[in-house]
Amino acid sequence: MSNNENNNRPPMIHWADITADRIIRQKGDKDEYVLASGITPSGTVHFGNFREVITTDLVARGLRARGKKVRFIFSWDDYDTFRKVPANLPNQEKLKEYMFQPIVDTPDPFGEHESYAAHHEHNFETQLKKVGVEVEPIYQAKKYRAGDYKEDIKRALNKRKEIRDILNEYRSTPYGDEYYPISVYCEKYKTDKTTITGWDGESKITYKHNEHDYEGEIDLNTTSLVKLPWRVDWPMRWAFEKVDFEPGGKDHSSQGGSYTTAKEIVKLFDWETPVYLQYDFVSIKGLGGKMSSSKGNLVTVDDILKIYEPEMVRWIFASYKTNVDFAVSFDLDVLKTYEDFDKQERLAYGVEAGNEKKVNMAKRVIELSQIGEMPKEMPFQPSLRHLCNVLQINDMDIEKARASYADQIKNDRDERRFRERSERAIYWIENHAPEEFKFRINKERVNFEMSAEAANYIQKLSEVLESEWDNFATDKDLHERMYEVMHEMELKPADIFVPIYQLLISREKGPKLAGFIRTIGKDRVLSLLK
């Protein structure tokens, strides 16, 4: 590798780059590497599933930064059987008719796509594009039905005893001679509730239906009704697609889990285990309850995008090591998440100082978070907390709120940042912000019982605002002046803040007062105070 290429390589500090390096070391120096990920479209694809895909995507970026080509395949296991009707879907009775048939043959309950599987596949693929993840989808039902895996199924059947012995090492009730590493969808009854009764070593498979008095014989060379079960299917596809890397969740990674057995079974297909990375679970904070497909309380990538900008969704995952579980906040911590993102962006662009290690990590994390090219200069950063105040002062009118930031919006990227952040701020305020965070500016002066001291203070403050407004260049300037008047009149904050908030927003408290007054504007404040 030339010195020039070495100089362009990102420093080895982020787990995505460290993993990319490990792939090159373990799999040899190749022009192209195959990275894999996949999901069964058994219901709405939720945000927890997204961790696997974004993990693979970040490693793909690590490899590309090293000048490597990457084929990122994404397998839709839509030939799996339809086992459970999720609670969040319409037409439940209709769906029940398709239980234990292939997901790909189950109709779309929304009537929008050619199948149940296609509906969920289309939705998730659309969401992935929004966060800059490009995959090569592989639809497993098509592969099975085209006969692509015919030879591999034969091999699995002929090595069934070896496969059985590998699986039995981790089973409390071992399989006997009755074990066959396939399932069959019945020709007559369409479901996979079948038991294999024989294999002739060449092409003939016999089976019986478990719930009906029906026995069938199929020819592997002409049928498409045979499927490998997950524990055999996964390593078979590693070999078929020549996979170099695939991450896996905690459930697959536990001792005796599907990864443990796949490492052995893959050898029977003359391939080796891909480089592996375990990832932990992701939860949601501020919505109550754990995500569950059966309950139907699923959070999707689209739901997260209502709260966070697309780059921030990537950033959240790039910020955590894969073996760390974390929660994505919908509650008041949304403000802190935005502050953390803005701080790291300032470090990355050198707008804020930090130690070398922190700055290098910030640069790499912000790079990995980009949807397109990284902007040459740092995008405009409207603080979310302040933006929420500005939007509420302007009755949630984004165009009116923009006037407060007009001199800071310099280009298209700044414009996008302002609009994306404003849309998300409005959604968050209306759907997730705590009640005490919300307010409306009074349209006219309210009559409010207050002490004579408070009335005198407000009279004096109005005079100060009228005559000295242009002197207050910062919130701190106004804050200090307000306290000066308060001390002159020998009052305490509690005596005056509540009446002012009542006059402005009919509440006992609200945003920090000096900044709030400056944001509302002189004329509007005076019309409510005087």
Protein backbone atom coordinates (compact mmCIF):
# COMPACT_ATOMS: atom_id res chain seq x y z
CA MET A 1 0.00 0.00 0.00
CA SER A 2 1.33 3.44 -0.94
CA ASN A 3 2.07 6.13 1.64
CA ASN A 4 -0.59 8.25 0.03
CA GLU A 5 -3.25 5.59 0.66
CA ASN A 6 -2.01 5.21 4.21
CA ASN A 7 -2.41 8.95 4.77
CA ASN A 8 -6.01 8.87 3.52
CA ARG A 9 -7.00 6.02 5.79
CA PRO A 10 -8.96 7.01 8.88
CA PRO A 11 -7.09 6.49 12.17
CA MET A 12 -7.71 3.14 13.87
CA ILE A 13 -9.92 4.43 16.67
CA HIS A 14 -13.48 3.59 15.69
CA TRP A 15 -14.82 0.03 16.00
CA ALA A 16 -16.01 0.11 12.34
CA ASP A 17 -12.44 0.73 11.13
CA ILE A 18 -10.94 -1.77 13.57
CA THR A 19 -13.44 -4.40 12.32
CA ALA A 20 -12.71 -3.53 8.67
CA ASP A 21 -9.02 -4.07 9.39
CA ARG A 22 -9.78 -7.39 11.09
CA ILE A 23 -11.74 -8.56 8.01
CA ILE A 24 -8.79 -7.75 5.72
CA ARG A 25 -6.37 -9.54 8.06
CA GLN A 26 -8.53 -12.65 8.57
CA LYS A 27 -9.95 -13.01 5.06
CA GLY A 28 -6.88 -11.89 3.13
CA ASP A 29 -6.39 -8.82 0.97
CA LYS A 30 -9.19 -8.95 -1.64
CA ASP A 31 -10.60 -6.41 -4.09
CA GLU A 32 -14.17 -7.01 -2.89
CA TYR A 33 -15.63 -8.23 0.39
CA VAL A 34 -19.14 -9.61 0.93
CA LEU A 35 -20.95 -8.24 3.98
CA ALA A 36 -24.30 -9.70 4.96
CA SER A 37 -27.31 -8.90 7.06
CA GLY A 38 -30.91 -10.09 7.03
CA ILE A 39 -34.35 -10.11 8.62
CA THR A 40 -37.50 -12.21 8.47
CA PRO A 41 -40.39 -9.92 7.44
CA SER A 42 -42.74 -11.58 9.95
CA GLY A 43 -44.21 -8.20 10.92
CA THR A 44 -43.32 -4.53 11.04
CA VAL A 45 -39.51 -4.28 10.92
CA HIS A 46 -38.73 -2.38 14.11
CA PHE A 47 -35.93 -0.13 15.23
CA GLY A 48 -34.22 -2.93 17.19
CA ASN A 49 -33.62 -4.79 13.88
CA PHE A 50 -31.99 -1.67 12.47
CA ARG A 51 -28.94 -2.11 14.70
CA GLU A 52 -27.78 -5.11 12.67
CA VAL A 53 -28.12 -3.25 9.37
CA ILE A 54 -26.41 -0.04 10.50
CA THR A 55 -23.61 -2.09 12.12
CA THR A 56 -22.94 -3.76 8.75
CA ASP A 57 -23.21 -0.43 6.94
CA LEU A 58 -20.65 1.25 9.21
CA VAL A 59 -18.20 -1.64 8.71
CA ALA A 60 -18.79 -1.36 4.93
CA ARG A 61 -17.80 2.30 5.16
CA GLY A 62 -14.69 1.28 7.10
CA LEU A 63 -13.70 -1.07 4.26
CA ARG A 64 -14.44 1.50 1.56
CA ALA A 65 -12.26 4.00 3.43
CA ARG A 66 -9.48 1.44 2.92
CA GLY A 67 -10.08 1.47 -0.84
CA LYS A 68 -12.00 -1.82 -0.88
CA LYS A 69 -15.14 -2.67 -2.84
CA VAL A 70 -18.02 -3.96 -0.78
CA ARG A 71 -21.03 -6.04 -1.72
CA PHE A 72 -23.57 -5.47 1.08
CA ILE A 73 -26.25 -8.15 0.72
CA PHE A 74 -29.43 -8.02 2.71
CA SER A 75 -31.42 -11.25 2.91
CA TRP A 76 -35.17 -11.14 3.32
CA ASP A 77 -36.11 -14.52 4.83
CA ASP A 78 -39.54 -14.36 3.22
CA TYR A 79 -39.73 -18.11 2.61
CA ASP A 80 -40.02 -18.60 6.37
CA THR A 81 -43.37 -19.72 7.69
CA PHE A 82 -46.02 -17.26 8.96
CA ARG A 83 -46.30 -18.22 12.64
CA LYS A 84 -48.09 -15.39 14.41
CA VAL A 85 -50.47 -12.59 13.48
CA PRO A 86 -49.05 -9.35 14.96
CA ALA A 87 -51.54 -7.31 17.00
CA ASN A 88 -50.88 -4.04 15.15
CA LEU A 89 -52.13 -5.23 11.74
CA PRO A 90 -55.60 -4.96 10.14
CA ASN A 91 -57.59 -7.89 8.69
CA GLN A 92 -56.57 -10.27 11.49
CA GLU A 93 -59.10 -12.97 10.55
CA LYS A 94 -57.93 -13.03 6.92
CA LEU A 95 -54.29 -13.33 8.03
CA LYS A 96 -55.10 -16.26 10.33
CA GLU A 97 -56.09 -18.29 7.25
CA TYR A 98 -52.43 -18.22 6.14
CA MET A 99 -50.82 -19.43 9.34
CA PHE A 100 -47.89 -21.85 8.76
CA GLN A 101 -47.72 -21.01 5.04
CA PRO A 102 -44.78 -19.06 3.53
CA ILE A 103 -44.77 -15.37 4.51
CA VAL A 104 -44.32 -14.55 0.83
CA ASP A 105 -47.70 -16.20 0.01
CA THR A 106 -49.60 -14.34 2.76
CA PRO A 107 -51.59 -11.38 1.39
CA ASP A 108 -50.80 -7.78 2.35
CA PRO A 109 -53.43 -6.81 4.97
CA PHE A 110 -53.15 -3.17 3.79
CA GLY A 111 -53.84 -4.13 0.16
CA GLU A 112 -50.84 -2.09 -1.07
CA HIS A 113 -48.29 -4.72 -2.17
CA GLU A 114 -48.35 -8.16 -3.77
CA SER A 115 -47.80 -9.90 -0.41
CA TYR A 116 -47.47 -9.51 3.33
CA ALA A 117 -43.70 -9.94 2.98
CA ALA A 118 -43.44 -7.36 0.18
CA HIS A 119 -45.30 -4.77 2.29
CA HIS A 120 -42.80 -4.99 5.16
CA GLU A 121 -39.82 -5.30 2.80
CA HIS A 122 -40.79 -2.18 0.84
CA ASN A 123 -41.34 -0.12 4.02
CA PHE A 124 -37.99 -1.03 5.56
CA GLU A 125 -36.00 -0.59 2.32
CA THR A 126 -37.53 2.90 1.95
CA GLN A 127 -36.55 3.76 5.53
CA LEU A 128 -32.98 2.54 5.01
CA LYS A 129 -32.54 4.92 2.04
CA LYS A 130 -33.56 7.86 4.26
CA VAL A 131 -30.61 7.16 6.58
CA GLY A 132 -28.10 6.58 3.78
CA VAL A 133 -27.96 2.76 3.92
CA GLU A 134 -27.67 1.14 0.48
CA VAL A 135 -28.18 -2.64 0.36
CA GLU A 136 -28.47 -5.31 -2.31
CA PRO A 137 -31.70 -7.08 -1.30
CA ILE A 138 -31.95 -10.85 -1.78
CA TYR A 139 -35.43 -12.34 -1.52
CA GLN A 140 -35.00 -15.89 -0.23
CA ALA A 141 -38.36 -17.16 -1.53
CA LYS A 142 -37.20 -16.31 -5.08
CA LYS A 143 -33.87 -18.09 -4.52
CA TYR A 144 -35.54 -21.24 -3.14
CA ARG A 145 -38.20 -21.26 -5.85
CA ALA A 146 -35.63 -20.76 -8.61
CA GLY A 147 -33.83 -23.88 -7.37
CA ASP A 148 -30.64 -21.98 -6.55
CA TYR A 149 -30.09 -23.97 -3.35
CA LYS A 150 -31.01 -27.41 -4.75
CA GLU A 151 -27.47 -28.81 -4.55
CA ASP A 152 -26.96 -27.39 -1.05
CA ILE A 153 -30.22 -28.98 0.17
CA LYS A 154 -29.01 -32.33 -1.26
CA ARG A 155 -25.72 -31.90 0.53
CA ALA A 156 -27.47 -31.11 3.83
CA LEU A 157 -29.67 -34.21 3.47
CA ASN A 158 -26.67 -36.42 2.69
CA LYS A 159 -24.78 -35.02 5.67
CA ARG A 160 -27.80 -35.06 7.98
CA LYS A 161 -26.11 -37.21 10.59
CA GLU A 162 -23.13 -34.82 10.86
CA ILE A 163 -25.52 -31.86 11.14
CA ARG A 164 -27.60 -33.70 13.74
CA ASP A 165 -24.51 -34.47 15.83
CA ILE A 166 -23.43 -30.81 15.78
CA LEU A 167 -26.89 -29.68 16.92
CA ASN A 168 -27.16 -32.41 19.55
CA GLU A 169 -24.10 -31.11 21.38
CA TYR A 170 -26.28 -28.22 22.58
CA ARG A 171 -29.71 -29.85 22.86
CA SER A 172 -31.23 -31.11 26.10
CA THR A 173 -33.38 -33.57 24.10
CA PRO A 174 -31.16 -34.88 21.30
CA TYR A 175 -32.43 -35.64 17.78
CA GLY A 176 -32.44 -39.32 16.79
CA ASP A 177 -32.35 -41.03 13.40
CA GLU A 178 -35.65 -39.32 12.54
CA TYR A 179 -33.82 -35.97 12.07
CA TYR A 180 -33.82 -34.35 8.61
CA PRO A 181 -32.35 -30.84 8.11
CA ILE A 182 -35.28 -29.63 5.99
CA SER A 183 -38.90 -28.61 6.26
CA VAL A 184 -41.47 -29.20 3.53
CA TYR A 185 -44.50 -27.10 2.61
CA CYS A 186 -47.26 -29.64 1.92
CA GLU A 187 -48.41 -29.76 -1.74
CA LYS A 188 -52.03 -30.22 -0.69
CA TYR A 189 -52.41 -28.20 2.53
CA LYS A 190 -49.74 -25.53 1.85
CA THR A 191 -48.40 -25.45 5.45
CA ASP A 192 -45.08 -26.69 6.82
CA LYS A 193 -46.75 -28.78 9.54
CA THR A 194 -45.13 -31.85 8.08
CA THR A 195 -42.79 -34.65 9.13
CA ILE A 196 -40.12 -35.99 6.75
CA THR A 197 -40.32 -39.77 6.45
CA GLY A 198 -37.58 -40.53 3.93
CA TRP A 199 -34.80 -39.41 1.57
CA ASP A 200 -33.43 -41.72 -1.13
CA GLY A 201 -30.01 -40.03 -1.32
CA GLU A 202 -30.65 -38.72 -4.85
CA SER A 203 -33.79 -36.59 -5.23
CA LYS A 204 -36.89 -38.21 -3.68
CA ILE A 205 -38.30 -36.95 -0.37
CA THR A 206 -41.32 -38.47 1.34
CA TYR A 207 -43.31 -36.72 4.06
CA LYS A 208 -46.62 -36.81 5.89
CA HIS A 209 -48.86 -34.01 7.07
CA ASN A 210 -49.10 -33.80 10.87
CA GLU A 211 -52.75 -32.71 11.00
CA HIS A 212 -54.29 -34.50 8.01
CA ASP A 213 -54.18 -38.06 6.77
CA TYR A 214 -51.94 -37.16 3.84
CA GLU A 215 -48.61 -38.53 2.64
CA GLY A 216 -46.64 -37.04 -0.21
CA GLU A 217 -43.56 -37.64 -2.32
CA ILE A 218 -41.65 -34.84 -4.01
CA ASP A 219 -38.64 -34.67 -6.28
CA LEU A 220 -35.97 -32.21 -5.14
CA ASN A 221 -35.02 -31.54 -8.76
CA THR A 222 -38.46 -30.22 -9.67
CA THR A 223 -40.04 -29.02 -6.43
CA SER A 224 -39.69 -25.67 -4.67
CA LEU A 225 -41.46 -26.75 -1.46
CA VAL A 226 -38.32 -27.67 0.49
CA LYS A 227 -36.57 -25.25 2.83
CA LEU A 228 -33.62 -25.55 5.18
CA PRO A 229 -34.31 -24.59 8.82
CA TRP A 230 -32.59 -21.44 10.15
CA ARG A 231 -29.65 -23.18 11.85
CA VAL A 232 -28.67 -24.88 8.58
CA ASP A 233 -29.92 -22.20 6.18
CA TRP A 234 -27.71 -19.47 7.71
CA PRO A 235 -24.33 -21.26 7.30
CA MET A 236 -25.41 -22.63 3.88
CA ARG A 237 -25.92 -19.04 2.68
CA TRP A 238 -22.57 -17.95 4.10
CA ALA A 239 -21.04 -20.51 1.74
CA PHE A 240 -23.38 -19.76 -1.19
CA GLU A 241 -22.74 -16.00 -1.12
CA LYS A 242 -19.08 -16.30 0.04
CA VAL A 243 -19.79 -14.04 3.02
CA ASP A 244 -16.79 -12.40 4.73
CA PHE A 245 -18.61 -10.57 7.55
CA GLU A 246 -21.97 -10.67 9.29
CA PRO A 247 -22.94 -9.36 12.74
CA GLY A 248 -25.37 -11.13 15.05
CA GLY A 249 -27.56 -10.29 18.01
CA LYS A 250 -27.14 -11.38 21.59
CA ASP A 251 -29.70 -14.19 21.10
CA HIS A 252 -27.76 -15.78 18.20
CA SER A 253 -24.41 -15.24 19.93
CA SER A 254 -25.07 -17.05 23.22
CA GLN A 255 -23.28 -20.36 23.84
CA GLY A 256 -25.17 -23.07 21.95
CA GLY A 257 -27.03 -20.42 19.93
CA SER A 258 -27.31 -20.47 16.14
CA TYR A 259 -23.87 -18.87 15.67
CA THR A 260 -22.18 -21.60 17.74
CA THR A 261 -23.62 -24.36 15.55
CA ALA A 262 -23.30 -22.38 12.28
CA LYS A 263 -19.51 -22.17 12.78
CA GLU A 264 -19.37 -25.98 12.57
CA ILE A 265 -22.09 -26.55 9.96
CA VAL A 266 -20.53 -24.07 7.49
CA LYS A 267 -17.53 -26.43 7.13
CA LEU A 268 -19.87 -29.07 5.64
CA PHE A 269 -20.55 -26.57 2.83
CA ASP A 270 -16.80 -26.01 2.25
CA TRP A 271 -16.69 -22.45 3.56
CA GLU A 272 -15.40 -20.79 6.70
CA THR A 273 -17.12 -18.68 9.31
CA PRO A 274 -17.39 -15.01 8.40
CA VAL A 275 -15.81 -12.44 10.71
CA TYR A 276 -18.45 -11.87 13.36
CA LEU A 277 -19.45 -9.01 15.60
CA GLN A 278 -22.02 -9.36 18.36
CA TYR A 279 -24.35 -6.40 18.88
CA ASP A 280 -26.49 -5.66 21.89
CA PHE A 281 -30.12 -4.66 22.10
CA VAL A 282 -31.50 -1.14 21.73
CA SER A 283 -34.42 0.14 23.76
CA ILE A 284 -36.60 3.23 23.63
CA LYS A 285 -36.79 5.64 26.54
CA GLY A 286 -39.87 7.75 27.16
CA LEU A 287 -42.52 5.64 25.44
CA GLY A 288 -43.12 3.09 28.18
CA GLY A 289 -42.84 -0.69 27.77
CA LYS A 290 -40.51 -2.93 25.78
CA MET A 291 -40.86 -3.17 22.00
CA SER A 292 -42.85 -6.25 21.09
CA SER A 293 -44.16 -7.45 17.72
CA SER A 294 -47.04 -9.36 19.29
CA LYS A 295 -48.21 -6.33 21.30
CA GLY A 296 -47.82 -4.20 18.20
CA ASN A 297 -46.09 -1.35 20.10
CA LEU A 298 -43.22 -1.22 17.64
CA VAL A 299 -41.01 1.76 16.97
CA THR A 300 -39.68 1.95 13.40
CA VAL A 301 -36.84 3.91 11.82
CA ASP A 302 -39.53 6.31 10.53
CA ASP A 303 -40.71 6.92 14.12
CA ILE A 304 -37.14 7.78 15.17
CA LEU A 305 -36.82 10.09 12.14
CA LYS A 306 -39.77 12.11 13.45
CA ILE A 307 -37.58 13.07 16.45
CA TYR A 308 -34.00 12.99 15.10
CA GLU A 309 -32.38 14.24 11.88
CA PRO A 310 -31.22 11.43 9.51
CA GLU A 311 -27.53 12.10 10.29
CA MET A 312 -28.32 11.92 14.01
CA VAL A 313 -29.93 8.49 13.65
CA ARG A 314 -26.66 7.22 12.16
CA TRP A 315 -24.66 9.15 14.76
CA ILE A 316 -26.48 7.53 17.69
CA PHE A 317 -25.34 4.07 16.50
CA ALA A 318 -21.87 5.17 15.43
CA SER A 319 -21.37 6.63 18.93
CA TYR A 320 -21.75 3.33 20.79
CA LYS A 321 -19.61 0.22 20.63
CA THR A 322 -21.70 -2.67 19.31
CA ASN A 323 -21.54 -4.66 22.56
CA VAL A 324 -23.12 -1.82 24.54
CA ASP A 325 -26.88 -1.64 24.94
CA PHE A 326 -28.40 1.82 24.95
CA ALA A 327 -31.75 3.60 24.79
CA VAL A 328 -32.98 6.11 22.23
CA SER A 329 -34.83 8.88 24.05
CA PHE A 330 -38.22 10.32 23.23
CA ASP A 331 -38.55 12.19 26.54
CA LEU A 332 -36.83 15.34 27.84
CA ASP A 333 -33.43 13.69 27.13
CA VAL A 334 -34.04 14.46 23.44
CA LEU A 335 -32.65 17.94 24.25
CA LYS A 336 -29.48 16.43 25.73
CA THR A 337 -29.05 14.09 22.72
CA TYR A 338 -29.12 17.11 20.39
CA GLU A 339 -26.65 18.98 22.63
CA ASP A 340 -24.28 15.98 22.61
CA PHE A 341 -24.50 15.70 18.82
CA ASP A 342 -23.87 19.44 18.33
CA LYS A 343 -20.88 19.34 20.70
CA GLN A 344 -19.31 16.42 18.82
CA GLU A 345 -19.92 18.16 15.50
CA ARG A 346 -18.17 21.29 16.82
CA LEU A 347 -15.21 19.15 17.95
CA ALA A 348 -15.07 17.46 14.52
CA TYR A 349 -14.94 20.80 12.71
CA GLY A 350 -12.46 22.34 15.14
CA VAL A 351 -15.00 24.96 16.26
CA GLU A 352 -14.56 23.69 19.82
CA ALA A 353 -11.27 22.55 21.31
CA GLY A 354 -10.67 19.10 22.78
CA ASN A 355 -7.81 16.64 23.29
CA GLU A 356 -6.45 14.92 20.18
CA LYS A 357 -8.08 11.55 20.86
CA LYS A 358 -11.51 13.13 21.42
CA VAL A 359 -11.21 15.28 18.29
CA ASN A 360 -10.12 12.32 16.10
CA MET A 361 -13.00 10.20 17.39
CA ALA A 362 -15.44 13.09 16.82
CA LYS A 363 -14.21 13.52 13.23
CA ARG A 364 -14.63 9.83 12.45
CA VAL A 365 -18.05 9.48 14.11
CA ILE A 366 -19.37 12.59 12.33
CA GLU A 367 -17.93 11.31 9.00
CA LEU A 368 -19.67 7.94 9.49
CA SER A 369 -22.90 9.80 10.27
CA GLN A 370 -23.13 11.63 6.96
CA ILE A 371 -25.80 10.72 4.42
CA GLY A 372 -23.81 12.21 1.53
CA GLU A 373 -20.46 13.99 1.39
CA MET A 374 -19.26 15.61 4.60
CA PRO A 375 -19.78 19.41 4.30
CA LYS A 376 -16.55 21.44 4.10
CA GLU A 377 -17.72 23.77 6.87
CA MET A 378 -19.82 22.98 9.90
CA PRO A 379 -23.56 23.24 9.32
CA PHE A 380 -25.52 25.84 11.28
CA GLN A 381 -26.54 24.53 14.72
CA PRO A 382 -29.78 25.97 16.10
CA SER A 383 -29.95 24.74 19.72
CA LEU A 384 -33.03 22.50 19.95
CA ARG A 385 -34.03 23.94 23.32
CA HIS A 386 -33.94 27.49 21.95
CA LEU A 387 -35.62 26.43 18.71
CA CYS A 388 -38.51 24.90 20.67
CA ASN A 389 -39.00 28.28 22.39
CA VAL A 390 -38.77 30.25 19.13
CA LEU A 391 -41.28 27.94 17.42
CA GLN A 392 -43.76 28.14 20.31
CA ILE A 393 -43.41 31.94 20.46
CA ASN A 394 -44.25 31.95 16.74
CA ASP A 395 -47.24 29.58 17.11
CA MET A 396 -45.30 26.73 15.44
CA ASP A 397 -44.93 28.68 12.18
CA ILE A 398 -41.57 27.59 10.71
CA GLU A 399 -41.37 30.55 8.29
CA LYS A 400 -41.90 33.09 11.07
CA ALA A 401 -39.38 31.26 13.31
CA ARG A 402 -36.82 31.36 10.49
CA ALA A 403 -36.62 35.16 10.77
CA SER A 404 -34.83 34.71 14.14
CA TYR A 405 -32.07 32.74 12.37
CA ALA A 406 -32.02 34.39 8.93
CA ASP A 407 -28.50 35.83 9.30
CA GLN A 408 -27.07 32.41 10.36
CA ILE A 409 -28.45 30.34 7.45
CA LYS A 410 -25.69 30.55 4.82
CA ASN A 411 -26.33 27.69 2.36
CA ASP A 412 -28.56 24.78 1.35
CA ARG A 413 -27.15 22.51 4.05
CA ASP A 414 -27.96 25.11 6.73
CA GLU A 415 -31.44 25.47 5.28
CA ARG A 416 -31.99 21.72 5.42
CA ARG A 417 -30.70 21.59 9.00
CA PHE A 418 -33.05 24.41 10.06
CA ARG A 419 -36.12 22.85 8.44
CA GLU A 420 -35.41 19.25 9.53
CA ARG A 421 -34.73 20.36 13.08
CA SER A 422 -37.81 22.62 13.17
CA GLU A 423 -40.13 19.86 11.91
CA ARG A 424 -38.74 17.48 14.53
CA ALA A 425 -38.99 20.09 17.30
CA ILE A 426 -42.68 20.66 16.50
CA TYR A 427 -43.42 16.93 16.41
CA TRP A 428 -41.59 16.38 19.70
CA ILE A 429 -43.34 19.28 21.46
CA GLU A 430 -46.76 18.12 20.28
CA ASN A 431 -46.27 14.41 21.00
CA HIS A 432 -43.57 13.79 23.62
CA ALA A 433 -42.45 16.95 25.46
CA PRO A 434 -43.47 17.16 29.13
CA GLU A 435 -46.44 19.47 29.78
CA GLU A 436 -44.37 22.04 31.68
CA PHE A 437 -42.19 22.47 28.59
CA LYS A 438 -45.10 23.63 26.43
CA PHE A 439 -46.49 27.14 26.36
CA ARG A 440 -48.41 29.66 24.27
CA ILE A 441 -47.72 33.38 24.41
CA ASN A 442 -50.79 35.26 25.60
CA LYS A 443 -52.54 37.16 22.84
CA GLU A 444 -53.45 40.07 25.14
CA ARG A 445 -52.67 41.28 28.64
CA VAL A 446 -54.26 39.07 31.31
CA ASN A 447 -55.66 40.39 34.56
CA PHE A 448 -53.67 38.78 37.30
CA GLU A 449 -53.71 39.42 41.05
CA MET A 450 -50.20 40.36 42.21
CA SER A 451 -48.54 42.18 45.08
CA ALA A 452 -47.92 45.91 44.90
CA GLU A 453 -44.14 45.19 45.00
CA ALA A 454 -44.41 42.89 41.97
CA ALA A 455 -46.55 45.43 40.11
CA ASN A 456 -43.93 48.12 40.82
CA TYR A 457 -41.12 45.86 39.64
CA ILE A 458 -42.94 45.04 36.39
CA GLN A 459 -43.62 48.75 35.83
CA LYS A 460 -39.90 49.51 36.35
CA LEU A 461 -38.82 46.55 34.15
CA SER A 462 -41.10 47.80 31.35
CA GLU A 463 -39.41 51.20 31.50
CA VAL A 464 -35.97 49.54 31.37
CA LEU A 465 -36.97 47.40 28.36
CA GLU A 466 -38.43 50.45 26.60
CA SER A 467 -35.36 52.66 27.04
CA GLU A 468 -32.44 50.22 27.18
CA TRP A 469 -33.48 47.36 24.80
CA ASP A 470 -30.65 47.95 22.33
CA ASN A 471 -28.04 47.70 25.13
CA PHE A 472 -28.85 44.02 25.77
CA ALA A 473 -26.55 42.24 23.30
CA THR A 474 -26.81 38.92 25.17
CA ASP A 475 -29.23 37.13 27.49
CA LYS A 476 -26.67 37.63 30.28
CA ASP A 477 -26.81 41.44 29.85
CA LEU A 478 -30.58 41.48 30.34
CA HIS A 479 -30.46 38.92 33.14
CA GLU A 480 -27.98 41.06 35.11
CA ARG A 481 -30.01 44.22 34.56
CA MET A 482 -33.21 42.49 35.76
CA TYR A 483 -31.43 41.39 38.95
CA GLU A 484 -30.00 44.88 39.46
CA VAL A 485 -33.51 46.35 39.51
CA MET A 486 -34.69 43.52 41.75
CA HIS A 487 -31.93 44.18 44.32
CA GLU A 488 -32.60 47.95 44.22
CA MET A 489 -36.22 47.22 45.14
CA GLU A 490 -35.11 44.64 47.76
CA LEU A 491 -37.08 41.81 46.16
CA LYS A 492 -36.34 38.10 45.64
CA PRO A 493 -36.68 36.12 42.36
CA ALA A 494 -39.75 34.29 43.74
CA ASP A 495 -41.56 37.65 44.18
CA ILE A 496 -41.29 38.66 40.54
CA PHE A 497 -40.74 35.65 38.25
CA VAL A 498 -44.14 34.02 38.78
CA PRO A 499 -46.14 37.22 37.97
CA ILE A 500 -44.02 37.82 34.82
CA TYR A 501 -44.56 34.25 33.56
CA GLN A 502 -48.29 34.58 34.31
CA LEU A 503 -48.49 37.76 32.22
CA LEU A 504 -46.52 36.23 29.35
CA ILE A 505 -47.79 32.61 29.18
CA SER A 506 -50.32 32.15 32.05
CA ARG A 507 -48.03 29.71 33.82
CA GLU A 508 -45.97 29.86 36.99
CA LYS A 509 -42.71 29.02 35.23
CA GLY A 510 -41.26 28.70 31.76
CA PRO A 511 -38.03 29.06 29.75
CA LYS A 512 -35.14 31.08 31.24
CA LEU A 513 -36.63 34.53 31.53
CA ALA A 514 -34.01 36.92 30.09
CA GLY A 515 -33.51 34.83 26.93
CA PHE A 516 -37.25 34.28 26.69
CA ILE A 517 -37.98 38.02 26.80
CA ARG A 518 -35.34 38.73 24.14
CA THR A 519 -36.73 35.98 21.89
CA ILE A 520 -40.34 37.14 22.20
CA GLY A 521 -39.26 40.66 21.23
CA LYS A 522 -39.60 44.11 22.76
CA ASP A 523 -43.01 45.18 21.41
CA ARG A 524 -44.79 41.95 22.20
CA VAL A 525 -43.35 41.72 25.72
CA LEU A 526 -44.24 45.34 26.53
CA SER A 527 -47.81 44.86 25.27
CA LEU A 528 -48.22 42.04 27.82
CA LEU A 529 -46.33 43.60 30.75
CA LYS A 530 -47.42 47.25 30.69
